[in-house]
């Protein structure tokens, strides 16, 4: 895999706002409701789908 010899991993379909939500959820197991805004909620849902995080998707849907 190219990740084994490259120093950078990119996710071309995920922007930084969505990735920040995923990382917060991954590291803490939860997410602050204030972290989701009207500007990043769609990206966060898309990122949760991309990384197969159904609990995060459910949280986003319930928040929405």
Protein backbone atom coordinates (compact mmCIF):
# COMPACT_ATOMS: atom_id res chain seq x y z
CA UNK A 1 0.00 0.00 0.00
CA UNK A 2 1.22 3.47 -0.76
CA UNK A 3 0.72 4.53 2.88
CA UNK A 4 3.67 2.35 3.81
CA UNK A 5 6.14 4.49 1.85
CA UNK A 6 4.46 7.92 1.83
CA UNK A 7 4.51 10.28 4.78
CA UNK A 8 1.04 11.64 4.12
CA UNK A 9 -2.38 10.02 4.00
CA UNK A 10 -5.12 11.98 2.31
CA UNK A 11 -8.86 11.46 2.20
CA UNK A 12 -9.91 13.34 -0.92
CA UNK A 13 -13.64 13.30 -0.16
CA UNK A 14 -13.43 14.56 3.43
CA UNK A 15 -12.72 18.13 4.40
CA UNK A 16 -11.02 19.24 7.59
CA UNK A 17 -14.27 20.11 9.41
CA UNK A 18 -15.63 16.60 8.94
CA UNK A 19 -12.32 15.02 9.88
CA UNK A 20 -12.12 17.07 13.08
CA UNK A 21 -15.51 15.70 14.21
CA UNK A 22 -14.44 12.12 13.40
CA UNK A 23 -11.19 12.53 15.32
CA UNK A 24 -12.96 14.03 18.33
CA UNK A 25 -15.39 11.11 18.35
CA UNK A 26 -12.66 8.52 17.81
CA UNK A 27 -10.45 9.80 20.62
CA UNK A 28 -13.12 10.59 23.21
CA UNK A 29 -15.98 8.25 22.30
CA UNK A 30 -18.36 11.20 22.24
CA UNK A 31 -18.76 14.59 20.71
CA UNK A 32 -19.77 17.93 22.12
CA UNK A 33 -23.04 19.12 20.65
CA UNK A 34 -21.43 22.54 20.19
CA UNK A 35 -18.95 20.96 17.78
CA UNK A 36 -21.71 20.40 15.24
CA UNK A 37 -22.75 23.51 13.39
CA UNK A 38 -24.91 24.14 10.36
CA UNK A 39 -21.68 24.60 8.41
CA UNK A 40 -20.11 21.23 9.23
CA UNK A 41 -22.94 18.82 10.04
CA UNK A 42 -23.22 17.47 6.48
CA UNK A 43 -19.47 16.96 6.21
CA UNK A 44 -19.40 15.27 9.61
CA UNK A 45 -22.17 12.88 8.57
CA UNK A 46 -20.41 12.10 5.31
CA UNK A 47 -17.12 11.47 7.13
CA UNK A 48 -18.87 9.19 9.67
CA UNK A 49 -20.31 7.23 6.77
CA UNK A 50 -16.92 7.02 5.03
CA UNK A 51 -15.25 5.65 8.18
CA UNK A 52 -18.23 3.40 9.00
CA UNK A 53 -19.10 4.98 12.36
CA UNK A 54 -22.83 4.27 12.71
CA UNK A 55 -23.01 5.53 16.31
CA UNK A 56 -21.65 8.89 15.21
CA UNK A 57 -24.10 8.96 12.32
CA UNK A 58 -26.96 8.28 14.75
CA UNK A 59 -25.76 11.07 17.05
CA UNK A 60 -25.62 13.50 14.15
CA UNK A 61 -29.10 12.51 12.98
CA UNK A 62 -30.53 12.90 16.46
CA UNK A 63 -28.85 16.29 16.83
CA UNK A 64 -30.12 17.44 13.47
